[in-house]
Amino acid sequence: MITVHSAACEGKPCIRGLPITVFDVLDQLAAGLSTDEILTDFPELTPGDLRAACAFAAELGRRNWPPPGG
């Protein structure tokens, strides 16, 4: 589950209220880390958390496409 609270993660979307942002997870994936490597680096996460981060990013992209004026 992705949560957004002004008091947690400076208002950035985070994973289940943990101090791990969606962007942290996406950066790790973009850098080429495997699911297992990410779960080792962040043992409090689950494979479902990684899927939720990807789904959140996909939805964010859909909502912002096409870009304004594009």
Protein backbone atom coordinates (compact mmCIF):
# COMPACT_ATOMS: atom_id res chain seq x y z
CA MET A 1 0.00 0.00 0.00
CA ILE A 2 1.22 3.45 -0.89
CA THR A 3 0.57 6.19 1.64
CA VAL A 4 1.02 9.94 1.53
CA HIS A 5 1.14 11.88 4.78
CA SER A 6 2.63 15.31 5.27
CA ALA A 7 4.46 14.12 8.39
CA ALA A 8 6.01 11.03 6.77
CA CYS A 9 8.73 11.13 4.10
CA GLU A 10 8.28 14.89 3.73
CA GLY A 11 4.89 14.31 2.11
CA LYS A 12 6.28 12.05 -0.61
CA PRO A 13 4.46 8.81 -1.41
CA CYS A 14 5.88 6.06 0.78
CA ILE A 15 5.47 2.35 1.24
CA ARG A 16 2.96 1.43 4.00
CA GLY A 17 3.96 4.47 6.06
CA LEU A 18 7.55 3.25 6.28
CA PRO A 19 10.37 5.76 5.77
CA ILE A 20 10.90 4.34 2.28
CA THR A 21 9.53 6.37 -0.61
CA VAL A 22 8.14 5.05 -3.86
CA PHE A 23 11.00 6.96 -5.48
CA ASP A 24 13.58 5.02 -3.44
CA VAL A 25 12.18 1.77 -4.81
CA LEU A 26 11.90 3.05 -8.38
CA ASP A 27 15.46 4.38 -8.29
CA GLN A 28 16.68 0.95 -7.22
CA LEU A 29 14.75 -0.73 -10.05
CA ALA A 30 15.98 1.82 -12.57
CA ALA A 31 19.55 1.18 -11.44
CA GLY A 32 19.07 -2.45 -12.42
CA LEU A 33 18.78 -4.05 -9.00
CA SER A 34 16.79 -7.25 -8.86
CA THR A 35 13.77 -7.74 -6.65
CA ASP A 36 15.86 -9.94 -4.37
CA GLU A 37 18.58 -7.28 -4.08
CA ILE A 38 16.05 -4.60 -3.19
CA LEU A 39 14.38 -6.84 -0.62
CA THR A 40 17.80 -7.53 0.90
CA ASP A 41 18.55 -3.78 1.07
CA PHE A 42 15.08 -3.06 2.50
CA PRO A 43 14.10 -6.19 4.48
CA GLU A 44 10.90 -4.57 5.73
CA LEU A 45 9.52 -4.56 2.17
CA THR A 46 7.66 -7.36 0.43
CA PRO A 47 7.44 -8.25 -3.27
CA GLY A 48 3.92 -6.78 -3.15
CA ASP A 49 5.35 -3.45 -1.99
CA LEU A 50 7.58 -3.34 -5.07
CA ARG A 51 4.61 -4.07 -7.32
CA ALA A 52 2.60 -1.36 -5.55
CA ALA A 53 5.39 1.17 -6.19
CA CYS A 54 5.42 0.28 -9.89
CA ALA A 55 1.62 0.47 -10.10
CA PHE A 56 1.67 3.87 -8.38
CA ALA A 57 4.23 5.16 -10.88
CA ALA A 58 2.22 3.81 -13.81
CA GLU A 59 -0.94 5.49 -12.58
CA LEU A 60 0.91 8.75 -12.00
CA GLY A 61 2.20 8.61 -15.57
CA ARG A 62 -1.28 7.95 -16.98
CA ARG A 63 -2.71 10.89 -15.05
CA ASN A 64 -0.03 13.22 -16.38
CA TRP A 65 -0.17 12.13 -20.01
CA PRO A 66 -0.31 13.89 -22.34
CA PRO A 67 1.73 16.68 -20.81
CA PRO A 68 0.07 20.09 -20.61
CA GLY A 69 0.35 21.88 -23.91
CA GLY A 70 1.48 18.63 -25.58
